[in-house]
Amino acid sequence: MRRVCVFCASSMGSRPDYAEAAEALGRAIAKRGLGLVYGGGAVGLMGVVSRAVIAAGGEVIGIIPHGLVVREAGSRDLMDLRVVGSMHERKAMMAELSDGFVVLPGGYGTLEEAVEALTWLQLGIHGKGVVFVDTLGFWQKQMAMLDHMTEEGLLKADMRAMALLAPDPEAALDRLATFTPPVVPRWLLPGEA
C-alpha cells in the first residue's frame, strides 16, 4: 500500500473528537510512510487531515473540481493539487491514485463517496478496502442500515462484510493493510463505471 484515500467532511462537525480523529489519521498516514489522496479542500475535516499529513512530512495529493477551486475551497498548502472538470472525475482519480479508502465522519458527500467505493468493490472495478473510522460511534447507524439491507435480502452477506469498521485511525490503517478483496466477477470494464 502506497497511498490512502480519505473521505470526510468539509465541515468540522459539532464535536472536537472528529477533528482529533482527522488529525490522528493524518499523522498515522505519514508515520507509516503512506501518501494521502483526498478531495483537495482546505476546510473542515478535509483540511485537518491534509494539514496533519503535511506537518508530519507526508505526501498529499488533492483532487478538486474546477468549480470548487474558483470558489476558493481548494487548499493552497498543497504541492500537488489536481483540478478536474467534475465530481465524477474527482472520484475516479481518487480511486485510481489510492490503494484503499478510510472514511471519517461526514455528510452526504462522504457517505456517497464511501458507498460508491463499496459499489465498485462489489462490481469488481477495484479490489481496495473501505474502512469506516467509528469516532464516538458515528457510523453505528449506517452499519445497522447495511445489516437491515442484508436481512431484507437486498445486500449479500459477503458484500456486507466488505464495509469494514475500525474504532480509531490506527486500527483503520491496520485493517486496510490486511484487507483481502472478495473474489467477484468484473461486471464493468474500465471507463464504464
N, C-alpha and C. Protein backbone atom coordinates (compact mmCIF):
# COMPACT_ATOMS: atom_id res chain seq x y z
N MET A 1 0.85 -1.17 0.00
CA MET A 1 0.00 0.00 0.00
C MET A 1 0.89 1.24 0.00
N ARG A 2 0.61 2.14 -0.94
CA ARG A 2 1.40 3.37 -1.05
C ARG A 2 0.61 4.61 -0.64
N ARG A 3 -0.66 4.65 -1.02
CA ARG A 3 -1.47 5.84 -0.73
C ARG A 3 -2.85 5.43 -0.23
N VAL A 4 -3.39 6.26 0.65
CA VAL A 4 -4.72 6.05 1.21
C VAL A 4 -5.60 7.22 0.82
N CYS A 5 -6.78 6.90 0.32
CA CYS A 5 -7.77 7.94 0.03
C CYS A 5 -8.64 8.12 1.27
N VAL A 6 -8.82 9.36 1.68
CA VAL A 6 -9.66 9.66 2.84
C VAL A 6 -10.88 10.45 2.39
N PHE A 7 -12.04 9.94 2.77
CA PHE A 7 -13.30 10.64 2.57
C PHE A 7 -13.71 11.21 3.92
N CYS A 8 -14.08 12.50 3.96
CA CYS A 8 -14.51 13.11 5.21
C CYS A 8 -15.20 14.44 4.93
N ALA A 9 -15.69 15.05 5.98
CA ALA A 9 -16.50 16.26 5.87
C ALA A 9 -15.68 17.49 5.50
N SER A 10 -16.35 18.39 4.82
CA SER A 10 -15.77 19.71 4.55
C SER A 10 -16.20 20.70 5.64
N SER A 11 -16.78 20.17 6.70
CA SER A 11 -17.10 20.97 7.90
C SER A 11 -16.44 20.29 9.09
N MET A 12 -16.45 20.95 10.23
CA MET A 12 -15.77 20.43 11.41
C MET A 12 -16.67 19.52 12.25
N GLY A 13 -17.98 19.63 12.07
CA GLY A 13 -18.88 18.87 12.92
C GLY A 13 -19.05 19.54 14.27
N SER A 14 -19.88 18.96 15.11
CA SER A 14 -20.21 19.60 16.39
C SER A 14 -19.36 19.11 17.55
N ARG A 15 -18.48 18.13 17.31
CA ARG A 15 -17.67 17.59 18.41
C ARG A 15 -16.19 17.67 18.07
N PRO A 16 -15.37 18.11 18.99
CA PRO A 16 -13.93 18.21 18.73
C PRO A 16 -13.27 16.86 18.45
N ASP A 17 -13.90 15.78 18.89
CA ASP A 17 -13.35 14.43 18.67
C ASP A 17 -13.17 14.12 17.17
N TYR A 18 -14.03 14.70 16.33
CA TYR A 18 -13.94 14.44 14.89
C TYR A 18 -12.65 15.02 14.31
N ALA A 19 -12.34 16.25 14.71
CA ALA A 19 -11.10 16.88 14.24
C ALA A 19 -9.88 16.16 14.82
N GLU A 20 -9.99 15.71 16.07
CA GLU A 20 -8.88 14.97 16.69
C GLU A 20 -8.61 13.68 15.93
N ALA A 21 -9.68 12.98 15.52
CA ALA A 21 -9.51 11.75 14.75
C ALA A 21 -8.90 12.04 13.38
N ALA A 22 -9.33 13.12 12.75
CA ALA A 22 -8.78 13.50 11.44
C ALA A 22 -7.29 13.81 11.56
N GLU A 23 -6.92 14.53 12.60
CA GLU A 23 -5.50 14.86 12.81
C GLU A 23 -4.70 13.59 13.11
N ALA A 24 -5.25 12.72 13.93
CA ALA A 24 -4.56 11.46 14.26
C ALA A 24 -4.39 10.60 13.01
N LEU A 25 -5.39 10.59 12.15
CA LEU A 25 -5.28 9.82 10.91
C LEU A 25 -4.19 10.40 10.02
N GLY A 26 -4.15 11.70 9.89
CA GLY A 26 -3.10 12.33 9.08
C GLY A 26 -1.71 11.99 9.58
N ARG A 27 -1.53 12.08 10.89
CA ARG A 27 -0.22 11.74 11.47
C ARG A 27 0.12 10.27 11.23
N ALA A 28 -0.86 9.39 11.40
CA ALA A 28 -0.63 7.95 11.23
C ALA A 28 -0.29 7.60 9.79
N ILE A 29 -0.94 8.26 8.84
CA ILE A 29 -0.65 8.03 7.43
C ILE A 29 0.81 8.38 7.14
N ALA A 30 1.23 9.55 7.57
CA ALA A 30 2.61 9.99 7.32
C ALA A 30 3.61 9.10 8.07
N LYS A 31 3.29 8.74 9.31
CA LYS A 31 4.19 7.91 10.12
C LYS A 31 4.45 6.56 9.45
N ARG A 32 3.46 6.04 8.76
CA ARG A 32 3.60 4.74 8.08
C ARG A 32 4.23 4.88 6.70
N GLY A 33 4.59 6.10 6.33
CA GLY A 33 5.21 6.31 5.02
C GLY A 33 4.23 6.24 3.87
N LEU A 34 2.96 6.45 4.17
CA LEU A 34 1.92 6.43 3.14
C LEU A 34 1.63 7.85 2.67
N GLY A 35 1.06 7.95 1.48
CA GLY A 35 0.59 9.23 0.98
C GLY A 35 -0.91 9.35 1.18
N LEU A 36 -1.39 10.58 1.19
CA LEU A 36 -2.81 10.88 1.31
C LEU A 36 -3.35 11.33 -0.03
N VAL A 37 -4.48 10.77 -0.43
CA VAL A 37 -5.26 11.26 -1.56
C VAL A 37 -6.59 11.71 -0.97
N TYR A 38 -7.01 12.92 -1.29
CA TYR A 38 -8.27 13.41 -0.72
C TYR A 38 -8.85 14.47 -1.65
N GLY A 39 -9.99 15.02 -1.25
CA GLY A 39 -10.73 15.93 -2.10
C GLY A 39 -10.17 17.32 -2.31
N GLY A 40 -9.00 17.63 -1.77
CA GLY A 40 -8.33 18.89 -2.08
C GLY A 40 -8.80 20.10 -1.32
N GLY A 41 -9.75 19.94 -0.42
CA GLY A 41 -10.28 21.08 0.30
C GLY A 41 -9.41 21.53 1.45
N ALA A 42 -9.54 22.82 1.78
CA ALA A 42 -8.78 23.40 2.88
C ALA A 42 -9.62 23.51 4.15
N VAL A 43 -10.89 23.23 4.05
CA VAL A 43 -11.81 23.48 5.16
C VAL A 43 -12.26 22.17 5.81
N GLY A 44 -12.79 22.29 7.01
CA GLY A 44 -13.37 21.16 7.71
C GLY A 44 -12.38 20.06 8.02
N LEU A 45 -12.90 18.85 8.16
CA LEU A 45 -12.05 17.70 8.47
C LEU A 45 -11.08 17.42 7.33
N MET A 46 -11.48 17.77 6.10
CA MET A 46 -10.57 17.61 4.96
C MET A 46 -9.29 18.40 5.18
N GLY A 47 -9.44 19.64 5.59
CA GLY A 47 -8.28 20.49 5.84
C GLY A 47 -7.45 19.98 7.00
N VAL A 48 -8.11 19.48 8.04
CA VAL A 48 -7.40 18.98 9.22
C VAL A 48 -6.51 17.79 8.84
N VAL A 49 -7.08 16.81 8.15
CA VAL A 49 -6.30 15.61 7.82
C VAL A 49 -5.15 15.95 6.88
N SER A 50 -5.37 16.80 5.89
CA SER A 50 -4.30 17.13 4.95
C SER A 50 -3.18 17.92 5.63
N ARG A 51 -3.54 18.88 6.49
CA ARG A 51 -2.51 19.65 7.19
C ARG A 51 -1.69 18.76 8.13
N ALA A 52 -2.34 17.76 8.73
CA ALA A 52 -1.63 16.85 9.63
C ALA A 52 -0.61 16.01 8.86
N VAL A 53 -0.98 15.54 7.66
CA VAL A 53 -0.04 14.77 6.85
C VAL A 53 1.14 15.66 6.44
N ILE A 54 0.84 16.87 5.98
CA ILE A 54 1.90 17.81 5.56
C ILE A 54 2.83 18.12 6.73
N ALA A 55 2.25 18.39 7.91
CA ALA A 55 3.06 18.73 9.09
C ALA A 55 3.98 17.59 9.49
N ALA A 56 3.55 16.34 9.21
CA ALA A 56 4.35 15.17 9.55
C ALA A 56 5.28 14.76 8.41
N GLY A 57 5.34 15.58 7.35
CA GLY A 57 6.27 15.33 6.25
C GLY A 57 5.79 14.35 5.21
N GLY A 58 4.49 14.08 5.17
CA GLY A 58 3.95 13.12 4.22
C GLY A 58 3.53 13.73 2.90
N GLU A 59 3.29 12.86 1.93
CA GLU A 59 2.82 13.25 0.59
C GLU A 59 1.31 13.46 0.62
N VAL A 60 0.85 14.53 -0.01
CA VAL A 60 -0.58 14.81 -0.11
C VAL A 60 -0.92 15.15 -1.55
N ILE A 61 -1.92 14.46 -2.09
CA ILE A 61 -2.46 14.77 -3.41
C ILE A 61 -3.92 15.16 -3.22
N GLY A 62 -4.24 16.39 -3.58
CA GLY A 62 -5.61 16.86 -3.52
C GLY A 62 -6.21 16.87 -4.91
N ILE A 63 -7.46 16.46 -5.01
CA ILE A 63 -8.16 16.42 -6.29
C ILE A 63 -9.48 17.17 -6.11
N ILE A 64 -9.65 18.22 -6.88
CA ILE A 64 -10.80 19.09 -6.66
C ILE A 64 -11.39 19.53 -8.00
N PRO A 65 -12.71 19.59 -8.10
CA PRO A 65 -13.32 20.11 -9.33
C PRO A 65 -13.07 21.60 -9.49
N HIS A 66 -12.98 22.04 -10.72
CA HIS A 66 -12.71 23.44 -11.05
C HIS A 66 -13.69 24.37 -10.34
N GLY A 67 -14.95 24.00 -10.30
CA GLY A 67 -15.97 24.85 -9.68
C GLY A 67 -15.69 25.15 -8.22
N LEU A 68 -15.09 24.23 -7.50
CA LEU A 68 -14.76 24.48 -6.10
C LEU A 68 -13.49 25.30 -5.96
N VAL A 69 -12.56 25.14 -6.88
CA VAL A 69 -11.33 25.95 -6.84
C VAL A 69 -11.66 27.42 -7.02
N VAL A 70 -12.54 27.73 -7.97
CA VAL A 70 -12.86 29.14 -8.23
C VAL A 70 -13.63 29.76 -7.06
N ARG A 71 -14.21 28.93 -6.22
CA ARG A 71 -14.88 29.43 -5.02
C ARG A 71 -13.93 29.44 -3.82
N GLU A 72 -12.65 29.23 -4.09
CA GLU A 72 -11.58 29.29 -3.10
C GLU A 72 -11.70 28.25 -2.00
N ALA A 73 -12.25 27.08 -2.33
CA ALA A 73 -12.34 26.00 -1.34
C ALA A 73 -11.12 25.08 -1.40
N GLY A 74 -10.28 25.24 -2.39
CA GLY A 74 -9.10 24.38 -2.54
C GLY A 74 -7.99 24.79 -1.59
N SER A 75 -7.22 23.80 -1.16
CA SER A 75 -6.11 24.06 -0.26
C SER A 75 -4.94 24.68 -1.00
N ARG A 76 -4.41 25.77 -0.45
CA ARG A 76 -3.25 26.43 -1.04
C ARG A 76 -1.95 25.86 -0.48
N ASP A 77 -2.05 24.95 0.48
CA ASP A 77 -0.87 24.37 1.12
C ASP A 77 -0.29 23.21 0.33
N LEU A 78 -0.98 22.77 -0.71
CA LEU A 78 -0.58 21.54 -1.39
C LEU A 78 0.40 21.79 -2.53
N MET A 79 1.39 20.93 -2.60
CA MET A 79 2.31 20.94 -3.74
C MET A 79 1.66 20.26 -4.94
N ASP A 80 0.70 19.35 -4.68
CA ASP A 80 0.06 18.58 -5.75
C ASP A 80 -1.46 18.68 -5.62
N LEU A 81 -2.02 19.73 -6.19
CA LEU A 81 -3.46 19.93 -6.24
C LEU A 81 -3.89 19.77 -7.69
N ARG A 82 -4.65 18.72 -7.95
CA ARG A 82 -5.09 18.43 -9.31
C ARG A 82 -6.52 18.91 -9.51
N VAL A 83 -6.72 19.73 -10.52
CA VAL A 83 -8.03 20.30 -10.80
C VAL A 83 -8.67 19.51 -11.93
N VAL A 84 -9.88 19.02 -11.68
CA VAL A 84 -10.61 18.22 -12.67
C VAL A 84 -11.92 18.91 -13.03
N GLY A 85 -12.58 18.39 -14.04
CA GLY A 85 -13.78 19.03 -14.55
C GLY A 85 -15.06 18.75 -13.78
N SER A 86 -15.11 17.64 -13.03
CA SER A 86 -16.37 17.29 -12.37
C SER A 86 -16.14 16.44 -11.13
N MET A 87 -17.18 16.29 -10.34
CA MET A 87 -17.12 15.43 -9.16
C MET A 87 -16.85 13.98 -9.57
N HIS A 88 -17.42 13.57 -10.70
CA HIS A 88 -17.20 12.19 -11.17
C HIS A 88 -15.72 11.96 -11.49
N GLU A 89 -15.11 12.92 -12.17
CA GLU A 89 -13.67 12.79 -12.47
C GLU A 89 -12.86 12.77 -11.18
N ARG A 90 -13.27 13.57 -10.23
CA ARG A 90 -12.57 13.62 -8.94
C ARG A 90 -12.55 12.25 -8.29
N LYS A 91 -13.72 11.61 -8.18
CA LYS A 91 -13.80 10.31 -7.51
C LYS A 91 -13.03 9.24 -8.28
N ALA A 92 -13.10 9.27 -9.59
CA ALA A 92 -12.36 8.28 -10.39
C ALA A 92 -10.86 8.44 -10.19
N MET A 93 -10.36 9.67 -10.16
CA MET A 93 -8.93 9.90 -9.97
C MET A 93 -8.51 9.53 -8.54
N MET A 94 -9.34 9.85 -7.57
CA MET A 94 -9.03 9.48 -6.19
C MET A 94 -8.88 7.97 -6.07
N ALA A 95 -9.79 7.24 -6.68
CA ALA A 95 -9.74 5.77 -6.63
C ALA A 95 -8.51 5.25 -7.36
N GLU A 96 -8.20 5.84 -8.50
CA GLU A 96 -7.06 5.40 -9.31
C GLU A 96 -5.73 5.59 -8.57
N LEU A 97 -5.59 6.69 -7.85
CA LEU A 97 -4.32 7.02 -7.21
C LEU A 97 -4.12 6.39 -5.83
N SER A 98 -5.15 5.77 -5.29
CA SER A 98 -5.05 5.23 -3.93
C SER A 98 -5.13 3.71 -3.92
N ASP A 99 -4.73 3.15 -2.78
CA ASP A 99 -4.71 1.70 -2.61
C ASP A 99 -5.73 1.23 -1.58
N GLY A 100 -6.51 2.13 -1.04
CA GLY A 100 -7.54 1.81 -0.07
C GLY A 100 -8.21 3.08 0.39
N PHE A 101 -9.34 2.92 1.08
CA PHE A 101 -10.16 4.06 1.48
C PHE A 101 -10.41 4.05 2.98
N VAL A 102 -10.26 5.22 3.61
CA VAL A 102 -10.62 5.40 5.01
C VAL A 102 -11.70 6.48 5.05
N VAL A 103 -12.76 6.20 5.81
CA VAL A 103 -13.91 7.10 5.86
C VAL A 103 -14.05 7.66 7.27
N LEU A 104 -13.85 8.95 7.40
CA LEU A 104 -14.07 9.66 8.66
C LEU A 104 -15.51 10.17 8.68
N PRO A 105 -15.99 10.72 9.79
CA PRO A 105 -17.33 11.28 9.82
C PRO A 105 -17.53 12.34 8.72
N GLY A 106 -18.74 12.40 8.23
CA GLY A 106 -19.07 13.36 7.19
C GLY A 106 -20.55 13.35 6.88
N GLY A 107 -20.91 14.09 5.86
CA GLY A 107 -22.31 14.21 5.46
C GLY A 107 -22.60 13.47 4.17
N TYR A 108 -23.49 14.05 3.35
CA TYR A 108 -23.91 13.41 2.11
C TYR A 108 -22.73 13.04 1.21
N GLY A 109 -21.82 13.98 1.00
CA GLY A 109 -20.70 13.73 0.09
C GLY A 109 -19.83 12.58 0.56
N THR A 110 -19.52 12.56 1.85
CA THR A 110 -18.69 11.50 2.41
C THR A 110 -19.38 10.15 2.27
N LEU A 111 -20.65 10.11 2.61
CA LEU A 111 -21.41 8.86 2.51
C LEU A 111 -21.49 8.39 1.06
N GLU A 112 -21.74 9.31 0.15
CA GLU A 112 -21.85 8.96 -1.27
C GLU A 112 -20.53 8.40 -1.79
N GLU A 113 -19.42 9.03 -1.43
CA GLU A 113 -18.11 8.56 -1.89
C GLU A 113 -17.82 7.16 -1.35
N ALA A 114 -18.12 6.94 -0.07
CA ALA A 114 -17.86 5.64 0.54
C ALA A 114 -18.72 4.55 -0.08
N VAL A 115 -19.99 4.84 -0.29
CA VAL A 115 -20.89 3.85 -0.88
C VAL A 115 -20.48 3.55 -2.32
N GLU A 116 -20.04 4.56 -3.06
CA GLU A 116 -19.57 4.31 -4.42
C GLU A 116 -18.33 3.42 -4.42
N ALA A 117 -17.41 3.67 -3.49
CA ALA A 117 -16.21 2.82 -3.39
C ALA A 117 -16.61 1.38 -3.08
N LEU A 118 -17.59 1.19 -2.21
CA LEU A 118 -18.09 -0.16 -1.90
C LEU A 118 -18.78 -0.78 -3.11
N THR A 119 -19.53 0.01 -3.85
CA THR A 119 -20.20 -0.49 -5.06
C THR A 119 -19.18 -0.94 -6.09
N TRP A 120 -18.12 -0.14 -6.27
CA TRP A 120 -17.07 -0.51 -7.22
C TRP A 120 -16.36 -1.78 -6.79
N LEU A 121 -16.21 -1.97 -5.48
CA LEU A 121 -15.62 -3.21 -4.96
C LEU A 121 -16.54 -4.39 -5.27
N GLN A 122 -17.82 -4.21 -5.06
CA GLN A 122 -18.81 -5.25 -5.34
C GLN A 122 -18.84 -5.63 -6.81
N LEU A 123 -18.65 -4.63 -7.68
CA LEU A 123 -18.68 -4.87 -9.13
C LEU A 123 -17.34 -5.34 -9.69
N GLY A 124 -16.34 -5.42 -8.84
CA GLY A 124 -15.03 -5.88 -9.30
C GLY A 124 -14.24 -4.82 -10.04
N ILE A 125 -14.64 -3.56 -9.94
CA ILE A 125 -13.93 -2.47 -10.60
C ILE A 125 -12.59 -2.23 -9.91
N HIS A 126 -12.56 -2.40 -8.59
CA HIS A 126 -11.31 -2.35 -7.85
C HIS A 126 -11.37 -3.41 -6.75
N GLY A 127 -10.25 -3.66 -6.11
CA GLY A 127 -10.17 -4.62 -5.02
C GLY A 127 -9.60 -3.97 -3.77
N LYS A 128 -10.03 -2.76 -3.47
CA LYS A 128 -9.46 -1.96 -2.38
C LYS A 128 -10.41 -1.92 -1.19
N GLY A 129 -9.84 -1.98 0.00
CA GLY A 129 -10.63 -1.95 1.21
C GLY A 129 -11.26 -0.59 1.49
N VAL A 130 -12.38 -0.64 2.20
CA VAL A 130 -13.11 0.57 2.61
C VAL A 130 -13.35 0.43 4.12
N VAL A 131 -12.70 1.29 4.91
CA VAL A 131 -12.79 1.20 6.36
C VAL A 131 -13.36 2.49 6.93
N PHE A 132 -14.42 2.35 7.71
CA PHE A 132 -15.06 3.48 8.38
C PHE A 132 -14.46 3.64 9.78
N VAL A 133 -13.98 4.84 10.11
CA VAL A 133 -13.46 5.13 11.45
C VAL A 133 -14.65 5.55 12.30
N ASP A 134 -14.94 4.74 13.31
CA ASP A 134 -16.17 4.91 14.10
C ASP A 134 -15.98 5.81 15.31
N THR A 135 -15.54 7.03 15.08
CA THR A 135 -15.34 8.01 16.14
C THR A 135 -16.66 8.28 16.86
N LEU A 136 -16.66 8.08 18.15
CA LEU A 136 -17.85 8.29 19.00
C LEU A 136 -19.07 7.49 18.51
N GLY A 137 -18.84 6.36 17.84
CA GLY A 137 -19.94 5.55 17.32
C GLY A 137 -20.66 6.18 16.13
N PHE A 138 -19.98 7.12 15.45
CA PHE A 138 -20.60 7.88 14.37
C PHE A 138 -21.24 6.98 13.30
N TRP A 139 -20.60 5.87 12.93
CA TRP A 139 -21.07 5.05 11.82
C TRP A 139 -21.98 3.90 12.25
N GLN A 140 -22.33 3.79 13.53
CA GLN A 140 -23.13 2.67 14.00
C GLN A 140 -24.50 2.56 13.31
N LYS A 141 -25.17 3.68 13.13
CA LYS A 141 -26.50 3.63 12.48
C LYS A 141 -26.38 3.26 11.01
N GLN A 142 -25.31 3.71 10.36
CA GLN A 142 -25.09 3.32 8.96
C GLN A 142 -24.83 1.81 8.86
N MET A 143 -24.04 1.28 9.78
CA MET A 143 -23.77 -0.16 9.78
C MET A 143 -25.06 -0.94 10.04
N ALA A 144 -25.92 -0.41 10.92
CA ALA A 144 -27.21 -1.04 11.18
C ALA A 144 -28.07 -1.04 9.92
N MET A 145 -27.99 0.04 9.14
CA MET A 145 -28.73 0.09 7.88
C MET A 145 -28.23 -0.97 6.90
N LEU A 146 -26.92 -1.15 6.84
CA LEU A 146 -26.36 -2.19 5.97
C LEU A 146 -26.81 -3.57 6.44
N ASP A 147 -26.84 -3.77 7.75
CA ASP A 147 -27.34 -5.05 8.30
C ASP A 147 -28.80 -5.25 7.91
N HIS A 148 -29.59 -4.18 7.98
CA HIS A 148 -31.01 -4.26 7.59
C HIS A 148 -31.15 -4.63 6.12
N MET A 149 -30.34 -4.02 5.26
CA MET A 149 -30.37 -4.36 3.83
C MET A 149 -30.07 -5.84 3.63
N THR A 150 -29.12 -6.36 4.41
CA THR A 150 -28.75 -7.77 4.30
C THR A 150 -29.90 -8.65 4.78
N GLU A 151 -30.48 -8.31 5.92
CA GLU A 151 -31.62 -9.07 6.46
C GLU A 151 -32.79 -9.10 5.49
N GLU A 152 -32.98 -8.03 4.75
CA GLU A 152 -34.08 -7.94 3.80
C GLU A 152 -33.75 -8.57 2.45
N GLY A 153 -32.57 -9.14 2.32
CA GLY A 153 -32.19 -9.83 1.09
C GLY A 153 -31.79 -8.91 -0.05
N LEU A 154 -31.45 -7.66 0.27
CA LEU A 154 -31.09 -6.69 -0.76
C LEU A 154 -29.58 -6.47 -0.87
N LEU A 155 -28.84 -6.99 0.07
CA LEU A 155 -27.38 -6.91 0.07
C LEU A 155 -26.86 -8.27 0.52
N LYS A 156 -25.99 -8.86 -0.28
CA LYS A 156 -25.45 -10.18 0.06
C LYS A 156 -24.53 -10.06 1.28
N ALA A 157 -24.54 -11.08 2.12
CA ALA A 157 -23.77 -11.07 3.36
C ALA A 157 -22.28 -10.89 3.09
N ASP A 158 -21.75 -11.52 2.03
CA ASP A 158 -20.32 -11.37 1.76
C ASP A 158 -19.97 -9.95 1.33
N MET A 159 -20.91 -9.28 0.70
CA MET A 159 -20.67 -7.88 0.33
C MET A 159 -20.88 -6.96 1.54
N ARG A 160 -21.80 -7.28 2.42
CA ARG A 160 -21.98 -6.50 3.65
C ARG A 160 -20.68 -6.50 4.45
N ALA A 161 -20.00 -7.63 4.45
CA ALA A 161 -18.76 -7.77 5.22
C ALA A 161 -17.64 -6.89 4.67
N MET A 162 -17.80 -6.35 3.47
CA MET A 162 -16.76 -5.50 2.88
C MET A 162 -16.75 -4.09 3.43
N ALA A 163 -17.82 -3.68 4.10
CA ALA A 163 -17.86 -2.37 4.77
C ALA A 163 -17.24 -2.56 6.14
N LEU A 164 -15.95 -2.27 6.25
CA LEU A 164 -15.19 -2.53 7.47
C LEU A 164 -15.32 -1.38 8.45
N LEU A 165 -15.24 -1.70 9.72
CA LEU A 165 -15.38 -0.70 10.78
C LEU A 165 -14.15 -0.79 11.68
N ALA A 166 -13.63 0.36 12.08
CA ALA A 166 -12.48 0.42 12.99
C ALA A 166 -12.74 1.46 14.05
N PRO A 167 -12.26 1.23 15.27
CA PRO A 167 -12.53 2.18 16.35
C PRO A 167 -11.71 3.46 16.29
N ASP A 168 -10.57 3.43 15.57
CA ASP A 168 -9.71 4.60 15.53
C ASP A 168 -8.86 4.57 14.26
N PRO A 169 -8.16 5.66 13.96
CA PRO A 169 -7.37 5.74 12.72
C PRO A 169 -6.30 4.66 12.59
N GLU A 170 -5.57 4.36 13.65
CA GLU A 170 -4.52 3.33 13.57
C GLU A 170 -5.12 1.98 13.21
N ALA A 171 -6.23 1.63 13.85
CA ALA A 171 -6.89 0.36 13.56
C ALA A 171 -7.42 0.34 12.12
N ALA A 172 -7.88 1.49 11.64
CA ALA A 172 -8.36 1.56 10.25
C ALA A 172 -7.23 1.26 9.27
N LEU A 173 -6.06 1.84 9.51
CA LEU A 173 -4.93 1.59 8.62
C LEU A 173 -4.46 0.13 8.73
N ASP A 174 -4.54 -0.44 9.93
CA ASP A 174 -4.21 -1.86 10.10
C ASP A 174 -5.18 -2.73 9.28
N ARG A 175 -6.45 -2.40 9.32
CA ARG A 175 -7.45 -3.18 8.56
C ARG A 175 -7.20 -3.09 7.07
N LEU A 176 -6.84 -1.89 6.60
CA LEU A 176 -6.52 -1.73 5.17
C LEU A 176 -5.31 -2.57 4.79
N ALA A 177 -4.31 -2.57 5.65
CA ALA A 177 -3.06 -3.28 5.35
C ALA A 177 -3.28 -4.79 5.21
N THR A 178 -4.29 -5.32 5.88
CA THR A 178 -4.54 -6.76 5.84
C THR A 178 -5.77 -7.13 5.01
N PHE A 179 -6.33 -6.17 4.32
CA PHE A 179 -7.56 -6.41 3.55
C PHE A 179 -7.31 -7.38 2.39
N THR A 180 -8.21 -8.33 2.26
CA THR A 180 -8.21 -9.25 1.12
C THR A 180 -9.51 -9.04 0.37
N PRO A 181 -9.44 -8.65 -0.91
CA PRO A 181 -10.68 -8.39 -1.65
C PRO A 181 -11.45 -9.67 -1.91
N PRO A 182 -12.76 -9.54 -2.02
CA PRO A 182 -13.57 -10.71 -2.36
C PRO A 182 -13.31 -11.12 -3.80
N VAL A 183 -13.55 -12.39 -4.06
CA VAL A 183 -13.45 -12.87 -5.44
C VAL A 183 -14.81 -12.63 -6.08
N VAL A 184 -14.85 -11.66 -6.99
CA VAL A 184 -16.10 -11.33 -7.68
C VAL A 184 -15.82 -11.18 -9.16
N PRO A 185 -16.82 -11.48 -9.98
CA PRO A 185 -16.62 -11.24 -11.41
C PRO A 185 -16.58 -9.74 -11.68
N ARG A 186 -15.83 -9.36 -12.68
CA ARG A 186 -15.78 -7.95 -13.06
C ARG A 186 -16.97 -7.66 -13.96
N TRP A 187 -17.89 -6.85 -13.47
CA TRP A 187 -19.12 -6.55 -14.19
C TRP A 187 -18.95 -5.46 -15.23
N LEU A 188 -17.99 -4.56 -14.98
CA LEU A 188 -17.79 -3.43 -15.89
C LEU A 188 -16.32 -3.32 -16.25
N LEU A 189 -16.06 -2.82 -17.42
CA LEU A 189 -14.69 -2.57 -17.87
C LEU A 189 -14.27 -1.15 -17.51
N PRO A 190 -12.96 -0.87 -17.47
CA PRO A 190 -12.53 0.50 -17.19
C PRO A 190 -13.23 1.50 -18.12
N GLY A 191 -13.67 2.59 -17.52
CA GLY A 191 -14.36 3.62 -18.29
C GLY A 191 -15.86 3.45 -18.33
N GLU A 192 -16.35 2.26 -17.93
CA GLU A 192 -17.80 2.02 -17.92
C GLU A 192 -18.45 2.39 -16.58
N ALA A 193 -17.61 2.57 -15.56
CA ALA A 193 -18.16 2.80 -14.22
C ALA A 193 -18.77 4.19 -14.11
